[in-house]
């Protein structure tokens, strides 16, 4: 993806084909997401959107929250490219809230950075800066992400007319990117940097930056980036003939892609250039096409700029009526932009409400994934994730770690003799006793039907054995006949501590069956 979008698309297509044959939702979701990203880079946004939608549905089915957030992020970017900014913002907010829920700072940085760019496209710079400030704090020390965030901060300064600050942030971003060589992000930054240098009346440097971006985009076979780089180069060149040829090439490529943003940018740049070169009639034709795109996608700032250019162009042609019409429209839009900022703030509030709802849904999904619905203890999926991390932590810091594996003796007879409803009541009571008998630092898991696990961090084997023995006695002495007359329960327990490379859970399981074979109602350690 970083070097050649076309090659990436070929690989991703093969991945999708193979994944469909496996009937594994998570695997297929990942393959579809990869293909969607490649489709987007080659300019086929409609196909990308379709793949992101299917990938999102499969990710939700497989209950992989991080993958859900990644698919939401991709879907939001595709919506933004299609000009659906409001829906893109709401979708990206949902991704952000899931990443907060699962505590994934790296993913959160990336999504906040993209969300800021969406707000910036709507001239809502206050919201953009809020997102970027949080992202920059999260990215501290991670130069790859810092480079992207600094570039977006620079864009805000550029749009606000603060050229010195924009250049300073772009240059810091490019310094980071030079060390990391992340081609796509560097290309985007170079394009924006070229526009800023041109605005600062440094045409030679602007041309060099734009040419570098164009070479990079062509190497990657990234058509949308190539169109944007051609616009930046055409606007920077001081040779009028070469500048016109370059801008016409940009417009032709944008027309082939059929995407709103490249089309708007190329038509506006070509129309403005032709007007400045005294070719007002043709310039107006291209500016009107740009205006159509800007109106279709509610880009008020672009509309106001284009109306101003059209007013000047028609005045030069002597058509004062049209010049006045566009001049009045320019001023109306300028005033409306101030109102729109308040509307965007309201829109952001609504997006936050949607995101809060998504957060609640994500939390419910997290509990379904990691929590046993009957006992509210952690489940087997959580056990495999947590135990791996706890073993790594204990080995890293040379800390003791013990595990206690508990099985209710002859539990099947409870279900067979009484009922499954009685069995559920027994399990609920057992979970309560487990909580009461364990320590605050212990992690309690229902691994299977009548099998439970206590993970005891920083606990030696003798201490874990004592804890297990107290629990065994408490279970044996508990008045189980209050649930149903004549009921009496005991447990068998295996206790193991962390030794060498042998599987901790497997050793505890073997010790549990040692206790079973020895007559049940006992602890083996």
Protein backbone atom coordinates (compact mmCIF):
# COMPACT_ATOMS: atom_id res chain seq x y z
CA UNK A 1 0.00 0.00 0.00
CA UNK A 2 2.80 2.41 0.88
CA UNK A 3 4.67 2.00 -2.40
CA UNK A 4 2.31 0.69 -5.12
CA UNK A 5 -1.48 0.87 -4.77
CA UNK A 6 -2.05 -1.17 -7.96
CA UNK A 7 0.07 -4.07 -6.73
CA UNK A 8 -1.65 -3.81 -3.33
CA UNK A 9 -5.05 -4.13 -5.03
CA UNK A 10 -3.96 -7.31 -6.84
CA UNK A 11 -2.76 -8.89 -3.58
CA UNK A 12 -5.88 -7.79 -1.69
CA UNK A 13 -8.15 -9.26 -4.38
CA UNK A 14 -6.40 -12.63 -3.99
CA UNK A 15 -6.73 -12.34 -0.19
CA UNK A 16 -10.49 -11.74 -0.51
CA UNK A 17 -10.87 -14.74 -2.83
CA UNK A 18 -9.01 -17.02 -0.41
CA UNK A 19 -10.79 -15.61 2.67
CA UNK A 20 -14.23 -16.26 1.15
CA UNK A 21 -13.33 -19.94 0.85
CA UNK A 22 -12.53 -20.19 4.59
CA UNK A 23 -15.94 -19.06 5.93
CA UNK A 24 -14.07 -17.08 8.64
CA UNK A 25 -15.82 -13.68 9.14
CA UNK A 26 -12.86 -11.96 10.82
CA UNK A 27 -10.39 -13.05 8.14
CA UNK A 28 -12.72 -11.97 5.33
CA UNK A 29 -13.33 -8.61 7.05
CA UNK A 30 -9.58 -7.95 7.17
CA UNK A 31 -9.14 -8.91 3.51
CA UNK A 32 -12.06 -6.71 2.42
CA UNK A 33 -10.70 -3.78 4.42
CA UNK A 34 -7.32 -4.19 2.71
CA UNK A 35 -8.99 -4.27 -0.70
CA UNK A 36 -11.09 -1.23 0.16
CA UNK A 37 -7.98 0.76 1.07
CA UNK A 38 -6.31 -0.24 -2.20
CA UNK A 39 -9.48 0.63 -4.16
CA UNK A 40 -9.48 4.06 -2.54
CA UNK A 41 -5.84 4.71 -3.43
CA UNK A 42 -6.45 3.78 -7.06
CA UNK A 43 -9.43 6.16 -7.17
CA UNK A 44 -12.36 3.70 -7.11
CA UNK A 45 -14.14 5.17 -4.07
CA UNK A 46 -17.49 3.52 -4.82
CA UNK A 47 -15.92 0.05 -4.74
CA UNK A 48 -13.99 1.01 -1.60
CA UNK A 49 -17.20 2.11 0.14
CA UNK A 50 -18.90 -1.18 -0.73
CA UNK A 51 -15.97 -3.23 0.63
CA UNK A 52 -15.81 -1.17 3.85
CA UNK A 53 -19.55 -1.73 4.42
CA UNK A 54 -19.23 -5.51 4.04
CA UNK A 55 -16.06 -5.60 6.14
CA UNK A 56 -17.80 -3.60 8.91
CA UNK A 57 -20.72 -6.02 9.03
CA UNK A 58 -18.35 -9.02 9.27
CA UNK A 59 -16.19 -7.33 11.92
CA UNK A 60 -19.29 -6.72 14.05
CA UNK A 61 -20.29 -10.36 13.56
CA UNK A 62 -16.85 -11.55 14.73
CA UNK A 63 -17.02 -9.17 17.76
CA UNK A 64 -13.55 -7.72 17.05
CA UNK A 65 -13.93 -4.14 18.32
CA UNK A 66 -10.58 -2.91 17.00
CA UNK A 67 -11.41 -4.22 13.54
CA UNK A 68 -14.86 -2.57 13.80
CA UNK A 69 -13.14 0.76 14.54
CA UNK A 70 -10.78 0.31 11.57
CA UNK A 71 -13.68 -0.41 9.21
CA UNK A 72 -15.61 2.61 10.53
CA UNK A 73 -12.52 4.75 9.95
CA UNK A 74 -12.20 3.54 6.36
CA UNK A 75 -15.91 4.01 5.71
CA UNK A 76 -15.69 7.59 7.04
CA UNK A 77 -12.77 8.43 4.74
CA UNK A 78 -14.68 7.02 1.74
CA UNK A 79 -17.74 9.11 2.68
CA UNK A 80 -15.54 12.20 2.90
CA UNK A 81 -14.14 11.55 -0.59
CA UNK A 82 -17.73 11.27 -1.85
CA UNK A 83 -18.54 14.66 -0.31
CA UNK A 84 -20.80 13.28 2.48
CA UNK A 85 -19.05 15.28 5.22
CA UNK A 86 -21.76 15.13 7.92
CA UNK A 87 -22.09 11.35 7.68
CA UNK A 88 -18.30 11.02 7.56
CA UNK A 89 -17.94 13.00 10.81
CA UNK A 90 -20.61 10.94 12.59
CA UNK A 91 -19.02 7.68 11.41
CA UNK A 92 -15.53 8.77 12.49
CA UNK A 93 -16.88 9.80 15.91
CA UNK A 94 -18.14 6.23 16.32
CA UNK A 95 -14.65 4.88 15.53
CA UNK A 96 -13.10 7.31 18.03
CA UNK A 97 -15.43 6.23 20.84
CA UNK A 98 -14.78 2.52 20.25
CA UNK A 99 -11.03 3.20 20.39
CA UNK A 100 -11.53 5.04 23.68
CA UNK A 101 -13.51 2.07 25.02
CA UNK A 102 -10.84 -0.50 24.19
CA UNK A 103 -8.06 1.91 25.24
CA UNK A 104 -6.11 1.92 21.96
CA UNK A 105 -4.09 5.18 21.97
CA UNK A 106 -2.36 4.58 18.61
CA UNK A 107 -5.61 3.95 16.77
CA UNK A 108 -7.22 6.89 18.58
CA UNK A 109 -4.48 9.25 17.37
CA UNK A 110 -5.07 8.24 13.75
CA UNK A 111 -8.86 8.59 13.95
CA UNK A 112 -8.70 11.95 15.75
CA UNK A 113 -6.28 13.18 13.09
CA UNK A 114 -8.70 12.18 10.30
CA UNK A 115 -11.66 13.65 12.19
CA UNK A 116 -9.79 16.95 12.43
CA UNK A 117 -9.24 16.91 8.64
CA UNK A 118 -13.00 16.39 8.11
CA UNK A 119 -13.81 19.38 10.33
CA UNK A 120 -11.17 21.41 8.51
CA UNK A 121 -12.82 20.63 5.16
CA UNK A 122 -15.96 22.31 6.50
CA UNK A 123 -13.92 25.29 7.82
CA UNK A 124 -14.76 24.23 11.39
CA UNK A 125 -11.25 24.96 12.64
CA UNK A 126 -12.16 25.11 16.34
CA UNK A 127 -13.27 21.47 16.32
CA UNK A 128 -10.26 20.54 14.18
CA UNK A 129 -7.80 22.04 16.67
CA UNK A 130 -9.52 20.28 19.62
CA UNK A 131 -9.08 16.92 17.87
CA UNK A 132 -5.50 17.66 16.82
CA UNK A 133 -4.43 18.83 20.29
CA UNK A 134 -5.63 15.57 21.85
CA UNK A 135 -4.04 13.53 19.05
CA UNK A 136 -0.68 15.30 19.46
CA UNK A 137 -0.67 14.59 23.21
CA UNK A 138 -1.34 10.90 22.53
CA UNK A 139 1.35 10.77 19.82
CA UNK A 140 4.14 12.24 21.97
CA UNK A 141 7.36 10.43 20.99
CA UNK A 142 5.75 8.60 18.05
CA UNK A 143 7.26 10.58 15.17
CA UNK A 144 5.23 8.80 12.50
CA UNK A 145 1.92 9.98 13.95
CA UNK A 146 3.35 13.32 15.06
CA UNK A 147 4.28 14.03 11.44
CA UNK A 148 0.67 13.54 10.27
CA UNK A 149 -0.77 15.63 13.11
CA UNK A 150 1.69 18.50 12.61
CA UNK A 151 0.76 18.54 8.92
CA UNK A 152 -2.93 18.91 9.77
CA UNK A 153 -2.16 21.65 12.32
CA UNK A 154 -0.23 23.41 9.56
CA UNK A 155 -3.29 23.16 7.29
CA UNK A 156 -5.44 24.91 9.90
CA UNK A 157 -2.88 27.75 10.11
CA UNK A 158 -2.80 27.94 6.29
CA UNK A 159 -6.59 28.19 6.02
CA UNK A 160 -6.57 30.90 8.69
CA UNK A 161 -3.94 32.88 6.75
CA UNK A 162 -1.12 32.31 9.28
CA UNK A 163 1.58 31.46 6.74
CA UNK A 164 4.62 31.57 9.03
CA UNK A 165 3.02 29.17 11.52
CA UNK A 166 1.83 26.93 8.68
CA UNK A 167 5.33 26.73 7.17
CA UNK A 168 6.90 26.02 10.57
CA UNK A 169 4.55 23.10 11.23
CA UNK A 170 4.89 21.70 7.68
CA UNK A 171 8.68 21.76 7.97
CA UNK A 172 8.61 19.95 11.33
CA UNK A 173 6.27 17.36 9.82
CA UNK A 174 8.53 16.81 6.81
CA UNK A 175 11.58 16.46 9.07
CA UNK A 176 9.85 13.57 10.86
CA UNK A 177 8.63 12.06 7.58
CA UNK A 178 12.12 12.22 6.06
CA UNK A 179 13.40 9.91 8.80
CA UNK A 180 10.44 7.55 8.57
CA UNK A 181 9.83 7.60 4.79
CA UNK A 182 6.08 7.06 5.02
CA UNK A 183 5.46 7.79 1.36
CA UNK A 184 1.70 8.49 1.29
CA UNK A 185 1.66 10.86 4.26
CA UNK A 186 4.79 12.63 3.06
CA UNK A 187 3.23 13.11 -0.37
CA UNK A 188 0.09 14.71 1.14
CA UNK A 189 2.25 16.99 3.29
CA UNK A 190 4.41 18.05 0.33
CA UNK A 191 1.30 19.03 -1.67
CA UNK A 192 0.00 21.24 1.14
CA UNK A 193 3.51 22.61 1.77
CA UNK A 194 3.79 23.59 -1.92
CA UNK A 195 0.52 25.58 -1.73
CA UNK A 196 1.78 27.35 1.41
CA UNK A 197 5.15 28.24 -0.18
CA UNK A 198 3.30 29.65 -3.21
CA UNK A 199 1.10 31.76 -0.93
CA UNK A 200 4.27 32.97 0.81
CA UNK A 201 5.64 34.01 -2.64
CA UNK A 202 8.42 31.40 -2.72
CA UNK A 203 7.63 29.89 -6.18
CA UNK A 204 10.89 27.97 -6.74
CA UNK A 205 10.60 26.12 -3.43
CA UNK A 206 6.87 25.55 -4.07
CA UNK A 207 7.63 24.03 -7.49
CA UNK A 208 10.30 21.74 -6.03
CA UNK A 209 7.95 20.48 -3.28
CA UNK A 210 5.09 19.91 -5.75
CA UNK A 211 7.37 18.06 -8.21
CA UNK A 212 8.62 15.82 -5.41
CA UNK A 213 5.01 15.05 -4.43
CA UNK A 214 4.09 14.28 -8.07
CA UNK A 215 7.03 11.88 -8.47
CA UNK A 216 6.03 10.12 -5.25
CA UNK A 217 2.34 9.82 -6.25
CA UNK A 218 3.26 8.35 -9.65
CA UNK A 219 5.65 5.86 -8.06
CA UNK A 220 2.79 4.68 -5.83
CA UNK A 221 0.29 4.64 -8.73
CA UNK A 222 -1.97 6.71 -6.45
CA UNK A 223 -4.23 8.58 -8.90
CA UNK A 224 -6.07 10.91 -6.45
CA UNK A 225 -2.70 12.03 -5.02
CA UNK A 226 -1.31 12.46 -8.53
CA UNK A 227 -4.20 14.80 -9.44
CA UNK A 228 -3.67 16.85 -6.26
CA UNK A 229 0.10 17.05 -6.91
CA UNK A 230 -0.49 18.23 -10.51
CA UNK A 231 -2.73 21.04 -9.21
CA UNK A 232 -0.05 22.09 -6.70
CA UNK A 233 2.64 22.01 -9.41
CA UNK A 234 0.52 23.90 -11.97
CA UNK A 235 -0.23 26.64 -9.42
CA UNK A 236 3.47 26.94 -8.49
CA UNK A 237 5.06 27.10 -11.96
CA UNK A 238 6.09 30.55 -13.20
CA UNK A 239 6.16 29.54 -16.89
CA UNK A 240 2.56 30.21 -18.07
CA UNK A 241 2.54 27.64 -20.91
CA UNK A 242 3.92 24.89 -18.68
CA UNK A 243 1.58 25.86 -15.85
CA UNK A 244 -1.47 25.67 -18.16
CA UNK A 245 -0.46 22.28 -19.57
CA UNK A 246 0.03 20.93 -16.06
CA UNK A 247 -3.35 22.22 -14.80
CA UNK A 248 -5.13 20.82 -17.87
CA UNK A 249 -3.48 17.46 -17.17
CA UNK A 250 -4.72 17.67 -13.57
CA UNK A 251 -8.27 18.45 -14.74
CA UNK A 252 -8.24 15.58 -17.25
CA UNK A 253 -7.09 13.09 -14.58
CA UNK A 254 -9.67 14.41 -12.09
CA UNK A 255 -12.41 13.97 -14.72
CA UNK A 256 -11.27 10.36 -15.30
CA UNK A 257 -11.44 9.66 -11.56
CA UNK A 258 -14.88 11.22 -11.19
CA UNK A 259 -14.24 12.21 -7.55
CA UNK A 260 -15.63 15.46 -6.10
CA UNK A 261 -12.49 16.78 -4.39
CA UNK A 262 -9.97 16.38 -7.24
CA UNK A 263 -12.56 17.71 -9.73
CA UNK A 264 -13.32 20.78 -7.61
CA UNK A 265 -9.65 21.51 -6.97
CA UNK A 266 -8.52 21.03 -10.60
CA UNK A 267 -11.39 22.99 -12.20
CA UNK A 268 -11.01 25.86 -9.72
CA UNK A 269 -7.24 26.04 -10.22
CA UNK A 270 -7.49 25.88 -14.04
CA UNK A 271 -10.34 28.43 -14.18
CA UNK A 272 -8.52 30.88 -11.88
CA UNK A 273 -5.30 30.55 -13.90
CA UNK A 274 -7.05 31.19 -17.23
CA UNK A 275 -8.81 34.27 -15.84
CA UNK A 276 -5.45 35.62 -14.60
CA UNK A 277 -3.96 34.97 -18.07
CA UNK A 278 -6.69 37.04 -19.76
CA UNK A 279 -8.67 34.03 -21.05
CA UNK A 280 -11.75 34.99 -19.06
CA UNK A 281 -14.42 33.27 -21.17
CA UNK A 282 -12.80 29.82 -20.93
CA UNK A 283 -11.79 30.49 -17.33
CA UNK A 284 -15.43 31.13 -16.41
CA UNK A 285 -16.44 27.78 -17.95
CA UNK A 286 -14.07 25.90 -15.64
CA UNK A 287 -14.95 28.04 -12.62
CA UNK A 288 -18.65 27.30 -13.15
CA UNK A 289 -17.87 23.58 -13.22
CA UNK A 290 -15.95 23.99 -9.95
CA UNK A 291 -18.87 25.94 -8.49
CA UNK A 292 -21.23 23.10 -9.37
CA UNK A 293 -19.05 20.65 -7.41
CA UNK A 294 -18.72 23.04 -4.45
CA UNK A 295 -22.50 23.56 -4.29
CA UNK A 296 -23.23 19.84 -4.59
CA UNK A 297 -21.06 19.11 -1.54
CA UNK A 298 -21.83 22.20 0.55
CA UNK A 299 -18.29 23.62 0.39
CA UNK A 300 -19.18 27.20 1.33
CA UNK A 301 -15.61 28.51 1.53
CA UNK A 302 -14.84 27.20 -1.98
CA UNK A 303 -18.13 28.65 -3.26
CA UNK A 304 -17.30 32.10 -1.91
CA UNK A 305 -13.82 32.03 -3.52
CA UNK A 306 -15.23 30.92 -6.88
CA UNK A 307 -17.98 33.58 -6.88
CA UNK A 308 -15.32 36.22 -6.20
CA UNK A 309 -13.23 34.98 -9.15
CA UNK A 310 -16.29 34.87 -11.42
CA UNK A 311 -17.20 38.42 -10.45
CA UNK A 312 -13.74 39.63 -11.50
CA UNK A 313 -13.83 37.58 -14.73
CA UNK A 314 -17.24 38.87 -15.86
CA UNK A 315 -16.25 42.43 -15.01
CA UNK A 316 -13.22 42.10 -17.35
CA UNK A 317 -15.55 40.81 -20.08
CA UNK A 318 -17.83 43.81 -19.59
CA UNK A 319 -20.78 41.73 -18.36
CA UNK A 320 -21.53 43.92 -15.34
CA UNK A 321 -24.87 42.25 -14.53
CA UNK A 322 -23.24 38.82 -14.05
CA UNK A 323 -20.29 40.43 -12.26
CA UNK A 324 -22.68 42.08 -9.77
CA UNK A 325 -24.66 38.84 -9.26
CA UNK A 326 -21.53 36.87 -8.36
CA UNK A 327 -20.19 39.74 -6.23
CA UNK A 328 -23.41 39.80 -4.18
CA UNK A 329 -23.35 36.01 -3.84
CA UNK A 330 -19.73 36.18 -2.66
CA UNK A 331 -20.71 38.56 0.16
CA UNK A 332 -23.78 36.49 1.11
CA UNK A 333 -21.63 33.38 1.45
CA UNK A 334 -18.99 35.26 3.41
CA UNK A 335 -21.66 36.22 5.94
CA UNK A 336 -23.15 32.71 5.89
CA UNK A 337 -19.78 31.17 6.75
CA UNK A 338 -20.00 32.80 10.19
CA UNK A 339 -23.44 31.28 10.72
CA UNK A 340 -22.25 27.93 9.43
CA UNK A 341 -19.54 27.74 12.09
CA UNK A 342 -22.32 27.73 14.73
CA UNK A 343 -24.25 25.13 12.73
CA UNK A 344 -21.14 22.94 12.52
CA UNK A 345 -20.73 23.21 16.28
CA UNK A 346 -24.31 22.00 16.66
CA UNK A 347 -23.65 19.27 14.10
CA UNK A 348 -20.59 18.21 16.09
CA UNK A 349 -22.72 18.06 19.22
CA UNK A 350 -25.20 15.80 17.43
CA UNK A 351 -22.30 13.70 16.18
CA UNK A 352 -21.06 13.40 19.76
CA UNK A 353 -24.49 12.22 20.88
CA UNK A 354 -24.40 9.56 18.16
CA UNK A 355 -20.89 8.65 19.28
CA UNK A 356 -21.99 8.34 22.91
CA UNK A 357 -24.73 5.95 21.81
CA UNK A 358 -22.14 4.00 19.83
CA UNK A 359 -19.93 4.00 22.92
CA UNK A 360 -22.71 2.46 25.00
CA UNK A 361 -23.34 -0.15 22.32
CA UNK A 362 -19.61 -0.88 22.14
CA UNK A 363 -19.46 -1.30 25.92
CA UNK A 364 -22.38 -3.72 25.80
CA UNK A 365 -20.63 -5.64 23.04
CA UNK A 366 -17.40 -5.67 25.06
CA UNK A 367 -19.24 -7.17 28.03
CA UNK A 368 -20.86 -9.76 25.78
CA UNK A 369 -17.46 -10.68 24.39
CA UNK A 370 -15.46 -10.76 27.64
CA UNK A 371 -18.02 -11.51 30.33
CA UNK A 372 -19.98 -14.65 31.14
CA UNK A 373 -23.67 -13.65 30.91
CA UNK A 374 -24.84 -15.91 33.79
CA UNK A 375 -22.24 -15.30 36.52
CA UNK A 376 -20.83 -11.92 35.34
CA UNK A 377 -17.33 -13.36 35.81
CA UNK A 378 -14.85 -13.07 32.98
CA UNK A 379 -15.12 -15.72 30.25
CA UNK A 380 -12.70 -18.02 28.41
CA UNK A 381 -11.93 -15.46 25.71
CA UNK A 382 -10.81 -12.96 28.34
CA UNK A 383 -8.75 -15.66 30.09
CA UNK A 384 -6.62 -16.38 27.02
CA UNK A 385 -5.96 -12.66 26.41
CA UNK A 386 -5.27 -11.68 30.02
CA UNK A 387 -3.21 -14.71 31.06
CA UNK A 388 -0.78 -14.27 28.17
CA UNK A 389 -0.11 -10.65 29.19
CA UNK A 390 0.14 -11.51 32.90
CA UNK A 391 2.66 -14.30 32.23
CA UNK A 392 4.78 -11.89 30.14
CA UNK A 393 4.61 -9.25 32.92
CA UNK A 394 5.57 -11.76 35.63
CA UNK A 395 8.56 -13.01 33.65
CA UNK A 396 9.70 -9.51 32.74
CA UNK A 397 9.72 -8.32 36.36
CA UNK A 398 10.51 -11.74 37.93
CA UNK A 399 7.26 -11.76 39.93
CA UNK A 400 5.44 -14.86 41.17
CA UNK A 401 2.19 -15.87 39.46
CA UNK A 402 -0.18 -18.69 40.39
CA UNK A 403 -3.33 -20.10 38.89
CA UNK A 404 -6.12 -21.99 40.66
CA UNK A 405 -8.33 -24.26 38.54
CA UNK A 406 -11.63 -25.31 40.22
CA UNK A 407 -14.16 -27.93 39.12
CA UNK A 408 -17.48 -28.59 40.89
CA UNK A 409 -17.60 -32.30 41.71
CA UNK A 410 -20.39 -34.25 39.99
CA UNK A 411 -22.13 -31.10 38.78
CA UNK A 412 -23.77 -33.01 35.91
CA UNK A 413 -25.87 -34.88 38.50
CA UNK A 414 -27.30 -31.56 39.73
CA UNK A 415 -28.69 -30.81 36.26
CA UNK A 416 -29.83 -34.41 35.72
CA UNK A 417 -31.39 -34.91 39.19
CA UNK A 418 -32.99 -31.52 39.66
CA UNK A 419 -33.04 -29.24 36.60
CA UNK A 420 -30.89 -26.90 34.55
CA UNK A 421 -32.62 -24.02 36.31
CA UNK A 422 -31.34 -25.42 39.64
CA UNK A 423 -27.91 -25.81 38.03
CA UNK A 424 -27.93 -22.12 37.10
CA UNK A 425 -28.84 -21.15 40.70
CA UNK A 426 -25.94 -23.28 41.95
CA UNK A 427 -23.53 -21.59 39.54
CA UNK A 428 -24.72 -18.13 40.60
CA UNK A 429 -24.25 -19.01 44.29
CA UNK A 430 -20.85 -20.54 43.54
CA UNK A 431 -19.72 -17.36 41.73
CA UNK A 432 -20.76 -15.31 44.77
CA UNK A 433 -18.74 -17.57 47.11
CA UNK A 434 -15.78 -17.29 44.72
CA UNK A 435 -15.90 -13.48 44.93
CA UNK A 436 -16.23 -13.55 48.72
CA UNK A 437 -13.30 -15.98 49.13
CA UNK A 438 -10.84 -14.28 46.76
CA UNK A 439 -8.74 -11.15 47.12
CA UNK A 440 -9.17 -7.84 45.31
CA UNK A 441 -6.12 -8.54 43.12
CA UNK A 442 -7.42 -11.96 41.99
CA UNK A 443 -9.02 -12.30 38.55
CA UNK A 444 -12.03 -14.63 38.41
CA UNK A 445 -13.04 -16.52 35.26
CA UNK A 446 -15.74 -19.02 34.34
CA UNK A 447 -13.79 -21.14 31.86
CA UNK A 448 -16.48 -23.70 31.02
CA UNK A 449 -19.80 -24.97 32.42
CA UNK A 450 -18.71 -25.95 35.95
CA UNK A 451 -15.01 -25.08 35.68
CA UNK A 452 -13.64 -21.85 37.15
CA UNK A 453 -10.22 -20.19 37.25
CA UNK A 454 -8.59 -17.80 39.71
CA UNK A 455 -5.56 -15.95 38.32
CA UNK A 456 -3.51 -14.84 41.34
CA UNK A 457 -0.89 -12.22 40.30
CA UNK A 458 2.22 -11.78 42.47
CA UNK A 459 1.22 -14.85 44.51
CA UNK A 460 3.57 -17.68 45.47
CA UNK A 461 2.51 -21.32 45.24
CA UNK A 462 2.13 -21.79 49.07
CA UNK A 463 -0.08 -18.67 49.30
CA UNK A 464 -2.19 -19.83 46.33
CA UNK A 465 -2.50 -23.29 47.90
CA UNK A 466 -3.75 -21.73 51.17
CA UNK A 467 -6.29 -19.65 49.23
CA UNK A 468 -7.49 -22.77 47.38
CA UNK A 469 -7.84 -24.75 50.62
CA UNK A 470 -9.92 -22.00 52.27
CA UNK A 471 -12.17 -21.94 49.21
CA UNK A 472 -12.53 -25.77 49.23
CA UNK A 473 -13.60 -25.72 52.89
CA UNK A 474 -16.06 -22.88 52.34
CA UNK A 475 -17.72 -24.72 49.43
CA UNK A 476 -17.95 -27.97 51.40
CA UNK A 477 -19.49 -26.20 54.43
CA UNK A 478 -21.94 -24.02 52.50
CA UNK A 479 -25.67 -24.82 53.09
CA UNK A 480 -26.45 -25.82 49.51
CA UNK A 481 -29.71 -27.40 50.66
CA UNK A 482 -31.23 -23.91 50.85
CA UNK A 483 -31.38 -24.07 47.06
CA UNK A 484 -32.89 -27.54 46.99
CA UNK A 485 -33.26 -30.03 49.90
CA UNK A 486 -30.59 -32.71 50.08
CA UNK A 487 -28.09 -30.86 47.86
CA UNK A 488 -24.43 -30.95 48.91
CA UNK A 489 -21.47 -29.83 46.81
CA UNK A 490 -17.69 -30.10 46.90
CA UNK A 491 -14.91 -29.01 44.56
CA UNK A 492 -11.62 -30.39 43.28
CA UNK A 493 -8.82 -27.88 42.75
CA UNK A 494 -5.51 -27.82 40.90
CA UNK A 495 -2.94 -25.13 41.79
CA UNK A 496 0.17 -24.30 39.72
CA UNK A 497 2.71 -21.49 39.67
CA UNK A 498 4.79 -20.06 36.85
CA UNK A 499 7.77 -22.30 36.10
CA UNK A 500 9.92 -22.42 32.95
CA UNK A 501 8.19 -22.61 29.58
CA UNK A 502 5.54 -25.23 30.41
CA UNK A 503 1.93 -24.12 29.89
CA UNK A 504 0.59 -22.79 33.22
CA UNK A 505 -3.06 -23.58 32.57
CA UNK A 506 -2.21 -27.04 31.29
CA UNK A 507 -0.26 -27.88 34.48
CA UNK A 508 -3.13 -26.65 36.67
CA UNK A 509 -5.51 -28.82 34.62
CA UNK A 510 -3.35 -31.93 35.18
CA UNK A 511 -3.24 -31.23 38.93
CA UNK A 512 -7.03 -30.80 38.98
CA UNK A 513 -7.46 -34.30 37.59
CA UNK A 514 -4.93 -35.58 40.11
CA UNK A 515 -7.28 -34.23 42.82
CA UNK A 516 -10.27 -35.89 41.07
CA UNK A 517 -8.54 -39.26 40.86
CA UNK A 518 -7.51 -39.02 44.52
CA UNK A 519 -11.17 -38.93 45.60
CA UNK A 520 -12.40 -35.38 44.90
CA UNK A 521 -13.02 -32.60 47.46
CA UNK A 522 -9.33 -31.83 47.72
CA UNK A 523 -6.52 -29.55 46.51
CA UNK A 524 -3.56 -30.76 44.43
CA UNK A 525 -0.60 -28.39 44.02
